[in-house]
Amino acid sequence: MLKTLLPRRLLGGTSVGWIDSEIHEWLQEKQVERDMRHGPSRGWGL
């Protein structure tokens, strides 16, 4: 995750915007991992 934080911040996104997008992408990655681990029926709940 940290590898993707730095370049986007350097590209000049607004602080809130890039934090929100990073969190959103991180949550999506976690959901995909959970989906693969538990199956689609349970994998997408937060």
PDB file of N, CA and C in Angstrom:
ATOM      1  N   MET A   1       0.830  -1.203   0.000  1.00  0.00           N
ATOM      2  CA  MET A   1       0.000   0.000   0.000  1.00  0.00           C
ATOM      3  C   MET A   1       0.870   1.262   0.000  1.00  0.00           C
ATOM      4  N   LEU A   2       1.932   1.242   0.796  1.00  0.00           N
ATOM      5  CA  LEU A   2       2.784   2.426   0.867  1.00  0.00           C
ATOM      6  C   LEU A   2       3.431   2.745  -0.470  1.00  0.00           C
ATOM      7  N   LYS A   3       3.711   1.717  -1.252  1.00  0.00           N
ATOM      8  CA  LYS A   3       4.330   1.953  -2.551  1.00  0.00           C
ATOM      9  C   LYS A   3       3.416   2.779  -3.446  1.00  0.00           C
ATOM     10  N   THR A   4       2.108   2.606  -3.303  1.00  0.00           N
ATOM     11  CA  THR A   4       1.191   3.362  -4.151  1.00  0.00           C
ATOM     12  C   THR A   4       0.844   4.710  -3.546  1.00  0.00           C
ATOM     13  N   LEU A   5       1.031   4.884  -2.232  1.00  0.00           N
ATOM     14  CA  LEU A   5       0.713   6.171  -1.614  1.00  0.00           C
ATOM     15  C   LEU A   5       1.616   7.280  -2.147  1.00  0.00           C
ATOM     16  N   LEU A   6       2.915   7.025  -2.195  1.00  0.00           N
ATOM     17  CA  LEU A   6       3.851   8.102  -2.474  1.00  0.00           C
ATOM     18  C   LEU A   6       3.708   8.689  -3.869  1.00  0.00           C
ATOM     19  N   PRO A   7       3.698   7.875  -4.940  1.00  0.00           N
ATOM     20  CA  PRO A   7       3.598   8.468  -6.276  1.00  0.00           C
ATOM     21  C   PRO A   7       2.331   9.294  -6.462  1.00  0.00           C
ATOM     22  N   ARG A   8       1.224   8.819  -5.927  1.00  0.00           N
ATOM     23  CA  ARG A   8      -0.019   9.569  -6.123  1.00  0.00           C
ATOM     24  C   ARG A   8       0.027  10.888  -5.380  1.00  0.00           C
ATOM     25  N   ARG A   9       0.630  10.879  -4.197  1.00  0.00           N
ATOM     26  CA  ARG A   9       0.724  12.136  -3.470  1.00  0.00           C
ATOM     27  C   ARG A   9       1.637  13.095  -4.221  1.00  0.00           C
ATOM     28  N   LEU A  10       2.711  12.570  -4.789  1.00  0.00           N
ATOM     29  CA  LEU A  10       3.631  13.426  -5.530  1.00  0.00           C
ATOM     30  C   LEU A  10       2.989  13.991  -6.788  1.00  0.00           C
ATOM     31  N   LEU A  11       1.999  13.293  -7.313  1.00  0.00           N
ATOM     32  CA  LEU A  11       1.315  13.790  -8.506  1.00  0.00           C
ATOM     33  C   LEU A  11       0.390  14.951  -8.189  1.00  0.00           C
ATOM     34  N   GLY A  12       0.208  15.260  -6.908  1.00  0.00           N
ATOM     35  CA  GLY A  12      -0.483  16.480  -6.534  1.00  0.00           C
ATOM     36  C   GLY A  12      -1.971  16.336  -6.313  1.00  0.00           C
ATOM     37  N   GLY A  13      -2.440  15.128  -5.987  1.00  0.00           N
ATOM     38  CA  GLY A  13      -3.842  14.994  -5.623  1.00  0.00           C
ATOM     39  C   GLY A  13      -4.121  15.709  -4.315  1.00  0.00           C
ATOM     40  N   THR A  14      -5.359  16.090  -4.097  1.00  0.00           N
ATOM     41  CA  THR A  14      -5.701  16.701  -2.824  1.00  0.00           C
ATOM     42  C   THR A  14      -5.536  15.671  -1.724  1.00  0.00           C
ATOM     43  N   SER A  15      -5.167  16.139  -0.533  1.00  0.00           N
ATOM     44  CA  SER A  15      -4.825  15.199   0.535  1.00  0.00           C
ATOM     45  C   SER A  15      -5.997  14.290   0.861  1.00  0.00           C
ATOM     46  N   VAL A  16      -7.180  14.869   1.010  1.00  0.00           N
ATOM     47  CA  VAL A  16      -8.344  14.044   1.330  1.00  0.00           C
ATOM     48  C   VAL A  16      -8.658  13.107   0.174  1.00  0.00           C
ATOM     49  N   GLY A  17      -8.555  13.603  -1.038  1.00  0.00           N
ATOM     50  CA  GLY A  17      -8.875  12.783  -2.200  1.00  0.00           C
ATOM     51  C   GLY A  17      -7.994  11.557  -2.312  1.00  0.00           C
ATOM     52  N   TRP A  18      -6.668  11.747  -2.159  1.00  0.00           N
ATOM     53  CA  TRP A  18      -5.814  10.569  -2.338  1.00  0.00           C
ATOM     54  C   TRP A  18      -5.933   9.622  -1.164  1.00  0.00           C
ATOM     55  N   ILE A  19      -6.184  10.155   0.039  1.00  0.00           N
ATOM     56  CA  ILE A  19      -6.393   9.258   1.183  1.00  0.00           C
ATOM     57  C   ILE A  19      -7.653   8.433   0.959  1.00  0.00           C
ATOM     58  N   ASP A  20      -8.729   9.091   0.545  1.00  0.00           N
ATOM     59  CA  ASP A  20      -9.980   8.366   0.312  1.00  0.00           C
ATOM     60  C   ASP A  20      -9.804   7.299  -0.756  1.00  0.00           C
ATOM     61  N   SER A  21      -9.117   7.638  -1.842  1.00  0.00           N
ATOM     62  CA  SER A  21      -8.964   6.662  -2.921  1.00  0.00           C
ATOM     63  C   SER A  21      -8.082   5.504  -2.479  1.00  0.00           C
ATOM     64  N   GLU A  22      -7.035   5.793  -1.692  1.00  0.00           N
ATOM     65  CA  GLU A  22      -6.175   4.717  -1.203  1.00  0.00           C
ATOM     66  C   GLU A  22      -6.944   3.800  -0.270  1.00  0.00           C
ATOM     67  N   ILE A  23      -7.723   4.387   0.640  1.00  0.00           N
ATOM     68  CA  ILE A  23      -8.505   3.565   1.570  1.00  0.00           C
ATOM     69  C   ILE A  23      -9.502   2.729   0.790  1.00  0.00           C
ATOM     70  N   HIS A  24     -10.154   3.343  -0.198  1.00  0.00           N
ATOM     71  CA  HIS A  24     -11.146   2.632  -0.996  1.00  0.00           C
ATOM     72  C   HIS A  24     -10.498   1.452  -1.721  1.00  0.00           C
ATOM     73  N   GLU A  25      -9.355   1.697  -2.345  1.00  0.00           N
ATOM     74  CA  GLU A  25      -8.669   0.616  -3.060  1.00  0.00           C
ATOM     75  C   GLU A  25      -8.204  -0.462  -2.098  1.00  0.00           C
ATOM     76  N   TRP A  26      -7.711  -0.040  -0.928  1.00  0.00           N
ATOM     77  CA  TRP A  26      -7.240  -1.018   0.063  1.00  0.00           C
ATOM     78  C   TRP A  26      -8.398  -1.883   0.531  1.00  0.00           C
ATOM     79  N   LEU A  27      -9.558  -1.252   0.783  1.00  0.00           N
ATOM     80  CA  LEU A  27     -10.729  -2.025   1.198  1.00  0.00           C
ATOM     81  C   LEU A  27     -11.154  -2.987   0.104  1.00  0.00           C
ATOM     82  N   GLN A  28     -11.101  -2.536  -1.152  1.00  0.00           N
ATOM     83  CA  GLN A  28     -11.465  -3.431  -2.251  1.00  0.00           C
ATOM     84  C   GLN A  28     -10.525  -4.621  -2.316  1.00  0.00           C
ATOM     85  N   GLU A  29      -9.218  -4.373  -2.131  1.00  0.00           N
ATOM     86  CA  GLU A  29      -8.262  -5.478  -2.137  1.00  0.00           C
ATOM     87  C   GLU A  29      -8.571  -6.456  -1.022  1.00  0.00           C
ATOM     88  N   LYS A  30      -8.865  -5.929   0.183  1.00  0.00           N
ATOM     89  CA  LYS A  30      -9.186  -6.799   1.307  1.00  0.00           C
ATOM     90  C   LYS A  30     -10.461  -7.588   1.026  1.00  0.00           C
ATOM     91  N   GLN A  31     -11.438  -6.943   0.395  1.00  0.00           N
ATOM     92  CA  GLN A  31     -12.689  -7.634   0.087  1.00  0.00           C
ATOM     93  C   GLN A  31     -12.448  -8.739  -0.929  1.00  0.00           C
ATOM     94  N   VAL A  32     -11.595  -8.482  -1.905  1.00  0.00           N
ATOM     95  CA  VAL A  32     -11.281  -9.513  -2.897  1.00  0.00           C
ATOM     96  C   VAL A  32     -10.582 -10.686  -2.227  1.00  0.00           C
ATOM     97  N   GLU A  33      -9.630 -10.377  -1.322  1.00  0.00           N
ATOM     98  CA  GLU A  33      -8.950 -11.452  -0.597  1.00  0.00           C
ATOM     99  C   GLU A  33      -9.958 -12.283   0.189  1.00  0.00           C
ATOM    100  N   ARG A  34     -10.878 -11.597   0.869  1.00  0.00           N
ATOM    101  CA  ARG A  34     -11.889 -12.291   1.656  1.00  0.00           C
ATOM    102  C   ARG A  34     -12.805 -13.100   0.751  1.00  0.00           C
ATOM    103  N   ASP A  35     -13.136 -12.522  -0.404  1.00  0.00           N
ATOM    104  CA  ASP A  35     -14.012 -13.216  -1.343  1.00  0.00           C
ATOM    105  C   ASP A  35     -13.356 -14.509  -1.805  1.00  0.00           C
ATOM    106  N   MET A  36     -12.059 -14.445  -2.094  1.00  0.00           N
ATOM    107  CA  MET A  36     -11.355 -15.629  -2.543  1.00  0.00           C
ATOM    108  C   MET A  36     -11.250 -16.652  -1.414  1.00  0.00           C
ATOM    109  N   ARG A  37     -11.133 -16.157  -0.184  1.00  0.00           N
ATOM    110  CA  ARG A  37     -10.945 -17.051   0.943  1.00  0.00           C
ATOM    111  C   ARG A  37     -12.252 -17.703   1.371  1.00  0.00           C
ATOM    112  N   HIS A  38     -13.336 -16.924   1.357  1.00  0.00           N
ATOM    113  CA  HIS A  38     -14.595 -17.391   1.947  1.00  0.00           C
ATOM    114  C   HIS A  38     -15.696 -17.645   0.928  1.00  0.00           C
ATOM    115  N   GLY A  39     -15.486 -17.236  -0.300  1.00  0.00           N
ATOM    116  CA  GLY A  39     -16.524 -17.407  -1.295  1.00  0.00           C
ATOM    117  C   GLY A  39     -17.391 -16.168  -1.415  1.00  0.00           C
ATOM    118  N   PRO A  40     -18.047 -15.997  -2.556  1.00  0.00           N
ATOM    119  CA  PRO A  40     -18.783 -14.765  -2.852  1.00  0.00           C
ATOM    120  C   PRO A  40     -19.939 -14.504  -1.911  1.00  0.00           C
ATOM    121  N   SER A  41     -20.514 -15.540  -1.309  1.00  0.00           N
ATOM    122  CA  SER A  41     -21.695 -15.308  -0.479  1.00  0.00           C
ATOM    123  C   SER A  41     -21.357 -14.506   0.772  1.00  0.00           C
ATOM    124  N   ARG A  42     -20.159 -14.716   1.341  1.00  0.00           N
ATOM    125  CA  ARG A  42     -19.802 -14.041   2.585  1.00  0.00           C
ATOM    126  C   ARG A  42     -18.663 -13.048   2.415  1.00  0.00           C
ATOM    127  N   GLY A  43     -18.050 -13.026   1.259  1.00  0.00           N
ATOM    128  CA  GLY A  43     -16.772 -12.343   1.140  1.00  0.00           C
ATOM    129  C   GLY A  43     -16.834 -10.833   1.034  1.00  0.00           C
ATOM    130  N   TRP A  44     -18.012 -10.252   0.824  1.00  0.00           N
ATOM    131  CA  TRP A  44     -18.049  -8.822   0.516  1.00  0.00           C
ATOM    132  C   TRP A  44     -18.545  -7.964   1.660  1.00  0.00           C
ATOM    133  N   GLY A  45     -18.886  -8.581   2.797  1.00  0.00           N
ATOM    134  CA  GLY A  45     -19.335  -7.769   3.919  1.00  0.00           C
ATOM    135  C   GLY A  45     -18.171  -7.093   4.616  1.00  0.00           C
ATOM    136  N   LEU A  46     -18.395  -5.881   5.113  1.00  0.00           N
ATOM    137  CA  LEU A  46     -17.343  -5.175   5.850  1.00  0.00           C
ATOM    138  C   LEU A  46     -17.535  -5.395   7.341  1.00  0.00           C
TER     139      LEU A  46
END
